[in-house]
């Protein structure tokens, strides 16, 4: 299985359940791994057969910046849905870090996998 990844993608958004979180943007940091067969792109050296990670990142940034979810669970699930459905990705693993959400913890967040891994 081939994996294309985006690491440390920092995006400002409204996320959270507390009153102050509904008016103050916070940073979420995404690490995204996507299963994608790169064989044809490698053979042809042609972008049309590749997963255009710049397009993926622009789509996710625009979506997250425009969102206003209460829960990170909802946000990360929606991101996975977009990647799998709009970019023909069979499997995705996403780590969402809501850095600073818990006093005393350097990192806090959630990791999900969607779809079937193939070998």
C-alpha atoms as a PDB file:
ATOM      1  CA  UNK A   1       0.000   0.000   0.000  1.00  0.00           C
ATOM      2  CA  UNK A   2       1.243   3.459  -0.873  1.00  0.00           C
ATOM      3  CA  UNK A   3       0.711   6.283   1.605  1.00  0.00           C
ATOM      4  CA  UNK A   4       0.614   9.972   0.812  1.00  0.00           C
ATOM      5  CA  UNK A   5       0.762  12.177   3.880  1.00  0.00           C
ATOM      6  CA  UNK A   6       0.299  15.734   5.038  1.00  0.00           C
ATOM      7  CA  UNK A   7       1.944  16.498   8.364  1.00  0.00           C
ATOM      8  CA  UNK A   8       1.502  19.385  10.755  1.00  0.00           C
ATOM      9  CA  UNK A   9      -1.226  21.170   8.804  1.00  0.00           C
ATOM     10  CA  UNK A  10      -2.208  24.058  11.119  1.00  0.00           C
ATOM     11  CA  UNK A  11      -5.638  25.603  10.620  1.00  0.00           C
ATOM     12  CA  UNK A  12      -7.569  28.235  12.580  1.00  0.00           C
ATOM     13  CA  UNK A  13     -11.221  27.455  13.283  1.00  0.00           C
ATOM     14  CA  UNK A  14     -14.113  27.817  15.692  1.00  0.00           C
ATOM     15  CA  UNK A  15     -14.258  24.548  17.639  1.00  0.00           C
ATOM     16  CA  UNK A  16     -15.499  23.750  21.117  1.00  0.00           C
ATOM     17  CA  UNK A  17     -18.421  23.711  23.492  1.00  0.00           C
ATOM     18  CA  UNK A  18     -17.598  26.640  25.781  1.00  0.00           C
ATOM     19  CA  UNK A  19     -18.887  30.157  25.163  1.00  0.00           C
ATOM     20  CA  UNK A  20     -15.410  31.588  24.605  1.00  0.00           C
ATOM     21  CA  UNK A  21     -14.672  28.834  22.067  1.00  0.00           C
ATOM     22  CA  UNK A  22     -17.682  29.881  20.003  1.00  0.00           C
ATOM     23  CA  UNK A  23     -16.153  33.320  19.353  1.00  0.00           C
ATOM     24  CA  UNK A  24     -12.385  32.714  19.475  1.00  0.00           C
ATOM     25  CA  UNK A  25     -10.620  30.811  16.725  1.00  0.00           C
ATOM     26  CA  UNK A  26      -8.298  28.049  17.857  1.00  0.00           C
ATOM     27  CA  UNK A  27      -5.587  26.163  16.034  1.00  0.00           C
ATOM     28  CA  UNK A  28      -6.087  22.531  15.124  1.00  0.00           C
ATOM     29  CA  UNK A  29      -3.141  20.587  13.752  1.00  0.00           C
ATOM     30  CA  UNK A  30      -3.789  17.755  11.313  1.00  0.00           C
ATOM     31  CA  UNK A  31      -1.607  14.836  10.312  1.00  0.00           C
ATOM     32  CA  UNK A  32      -3.225  12.978   7.424  1.00  0.00           C
ATOM     33  CA  UNK A  33      -2.217   9.676   5.822  1.00  0.00           C
ATOM     34  CA  UNK A  34      -4.012   8.576   2.653  1.00  0.00           C
ATOM     35  CA  UNK A  35      -3.794   5.239   0.830  1.00  0.00           C
ATOM     36  CA  UNK A  36      -3.387   5.844  -2.863  1.00  0.00           C
ATOM     37  CA  UNK A  37      -1.904   3.657  -5.583  1.00  0.00           C
ATOM     38  CA  UNK A  38       0.959   5.715  -7.033  1.00  0.00           C
ATOM     39  CA  UNK A  39       2.079   3.114  -9.590  1.00  0.00           C
ATOM     40  CA  UNK A  40       0.532   4.744 -12.683  1.00  0.00           C
ATOM     41  CA  UNK A  41       1.796   8.185 -11.666  1.00  0.00           C
ATOM     42  CA  UNK A  42       5.273   6.744 -11.128  1.00  0.00           C
ATOM     43  CA  UNK A  43       5.247   4.946 -14.483  1.00  0.00           C
ATOM     44  CA  UNK A  44       3.992   7.922 -16.505  1.00  0.00           C
ATOM     45  CA  UNK A  45       5.385  10.840 -14.479  1.00  0.00           C
ATOM     46  CA  UNK A  46       1.983  12.462 -15.068  1.00  0.00           C
ATOM     47  CA  UNK A  47       0.132  14.437 -12.373  1.00  0.00           C
ATOM     48  CA  UNK A  48      -3.272  13.302 -13.663  1.00  0.00           C
ATOM     49  CA  UNK A  49      -2.581   9.862 -12.134  1.00  0.00           C
ATOM     50  CA  UNK A  50      -1.387  11.213  -8.801  1.00  0.00           C
ATOM     51  CA  UNK A  51      -3.229  12.291  -5.688  1.00  0.00           C
ATOM     52  CA  UNK A  52      -2.722  16.049  -5.792  1.00  0.00           C
ATOM     53  CA  UNK A  53      -1.917  16.708  -2.142  1.00  0.00           C
ATOM     54  CA  UNK A  54      -1.920  20.481  -2.737  1.00  0.00           C
ATOM     55  CA  UNK A  55      -5.555  20.282  -3.864  1.00  0.00           C
ATOM     56  CA  UNK A  56      -6.384  18.033  -0.897  1.00  0.00           C
ATOM     57  CA  UNK A  57      -4.767  20.460   1.548  1.00  0.00           C
ATOM     58  CA  UNK A  58      -6.529  23.499   0.028  1.00  0.00           C
ATOM     59  CA  UNK A  59      -9.885  21.723   0.263  1.00  0.00           C
ATOM     60  CA  UNK A  60      -9.341  20.706   3.886  1.00  0.00           C
ATOM     61  CA  UNK A  61      -8.053  24.138   4.912  1.00  0.00           C
ATOM     62  CA  UNK A  62     -11.072  25.872   3.352  1.00  0.00           C
ATOM     63  CA  UNK A  63     -13.466  23.393   4.967  1.00  0.00           C
ATOM     64  CA  UNK A  64     -11.954  23.604   8.460  1.00  0.00           C
ATOM     65  CA  UNK A  65     -11.608  27.405   8.392  1.00  0.00           C
ATOM     66  CA  UNK A  66     -15.278  27.706   7.466  1.00  0.00           C
ATOM     67  CA  UNK A  67     -16.547  25.167   9.981  1.00  0.00           C
ATOM     68  CA  UNK A  68     -17.944  25.841  13.458  1.00  0.00           C
ATOM     69  CA  UNK A  69     -18.400  22.425  15.036  1.00  0.00           C
ATOM     70  CA  UNK A  70     -18.824  21.828  18.737  1.00  0.00           C
ATOM     71  CA  UNK A  71     -16.857  18.576  18.842  1.00  0.00           C
ATOM     72  CA  UNK A  72     -13.522  17.525  17.350  1.00  0.00           C
ATOM     73  CA  UNK A  73     -15.147  14.141  16.736  1.00  0.00           C
ATOM     74  CA  UNK A  74     -17.535  15.729  14.239  1.00  0.00           C
ATOM     75  CA  UNK A  75     -14.811  17.806  12.580  1.00  0.00           C
ATOM     76  CA  UNK A  76     -12.415  14.900  12.082  1.00  0.00           C
ATOM     77  CA  UNK A  77     -15.198  12.626  10.785  1.00  0.00           C
ATOM     78  CA  UNK A  78     -16.223  15.236   8.209  1.00  0.00           C
ATOM     79  CA  UNK A  79     -12.615  15.682   7.083  1.00  0.00           C
ATOM     80  CA  UNK A  80     -12.291  11.912   6.570  1.00  0.00           C
ATOM     81  CA  UNK A  81     -15.536  11.872   4.590  1.00  0.00           C
ATOM     82  CA  UNK A  82     -14.327  14.637   2.266  1.00  0.00           C
ATOM     83  CA  UNK A  83     -10.976  12.971   1.619  1.00  0.00           C
ATOM     84  CA  UNK A  84     -12.449   9.545   0.941  1.00  0.00           C
ATOM     85  CA  UNK A  85     -15.309  10.720  -1.238  1.00  0.00           C
ATOM     86  CA  UNK A  86     -13.916  13.695  -3.124  1.00  0.00           C
ATOM     87  CA  UNK A  87     -10.421  12.339  -3.746  1.00  0.00           C
ATOM     88  CA  UNK A  88     -11.105   8.627  -4.257  1.00  0.00           C
ATOM     89  CA  UNK A  89      -9.010   7.584  -1.264  1.00  0.00           C
ATOM     90  CA  UNK A  90      -9.822   4.087  -0.008  1.00  0.00           C
ATOM     91  CA  UNK A  91      -8.263   4.503   3.450  1.00  0.00           C
ATOM     92  CA  UNK A  92      -7.384   7.540   5.527  1.00  0.00           C
ATOM     93  CA  UNK A  93      -5.845   8.020   8.953  1.00  0.00           C
ATOM     94  CA  UNK A  94      -6.154  11.439  10.552  1.00  0.00           C
ATOM     95  CA  UNK A  95      -4.682  12.797  13.764  1.00  0.00           C
ATOM     96  CA  UNK A  96      -6.306  15.991  15.002  1.00  0.00           C
ATOM     97  CA  UNK A  97      -4.401  17.854  17.706  1.00  0.00           C
ATOM     98  CA  UNK A  98      -6.218  20.604  19.589  1.00  0.00           C
ATOM     99  CA  UNK A  99      -3.018  21.836  21.187  1.00  0.00           C
ATOM    100  CA  UNK A 100      -3.483  23.617  24.495  1.00  0.00           C
ATOM    101  CA  UNK A 101      -7.018  22.355  25.099  1.00  0.00           C
ATOM    102  CA  UNK A 102      -6.034  20.838  28.444  1.00  0.00           C
ATOM    103  CA  UNK A 103      -3.889  22.755  30.911  1.00  0.00           C
ATOM    104  CA  UNK A 104      -0.698  20.845  31.601  1.00  0.00           C
ATOM    105  CA  UNK A 105      -0.903  18.696  28.458  1.00  0.00           C
ATOM    106  CA  UNK A 106       1.214  19.622  25.467  1.00  0.00           C
ATOM    107  CA  UNK A 107      -1.103  17.796  23.074  1.00  0.00           C
ATOM    108  CA  UNK A 108      -4.679  16.556  23.093  1.00  0.00           C
ATOM    109  CA  UNK A 109      -6.768  15.195  20.278  1.00  0.00           C
ATOM    110  CA  UNK A 110      -8.129  12.257  18.417  1.00  0.00           C
ATOM    111  CA  UNK A 111      -6.966   9.735  15.828  1.00  0.00           C
ATOM    112  CA  UNK A 112      -9.316   7.991  13.402  1.00  0.00           C
ATOM    113  CA  UNK A 113      -8.995   5.571  10.500  1.00  0.00           C
ATOM    114  CA  UNK A 114     -11.664   5.180   7.852  1.00  0.00           C
ATOM    115  CA  UNK A 115     -11.848   2.619   5.059  1.00  0.00           C
ATOM    116  CA  UNK A 116     -10.029  -0.626   4.514  1.00  0.00           C
ATOM    117  CA  UNK A 117      -6.264  -0.849   4.336  1.00  0.00           C
ATOM    118  CA  UNK A 118      -5.082  -2.878   1.397  1.00  0.00           C
ATOM    119  CA  UNK A 119      -1.643  -4.343   1.019  1.00  0.00           C
END
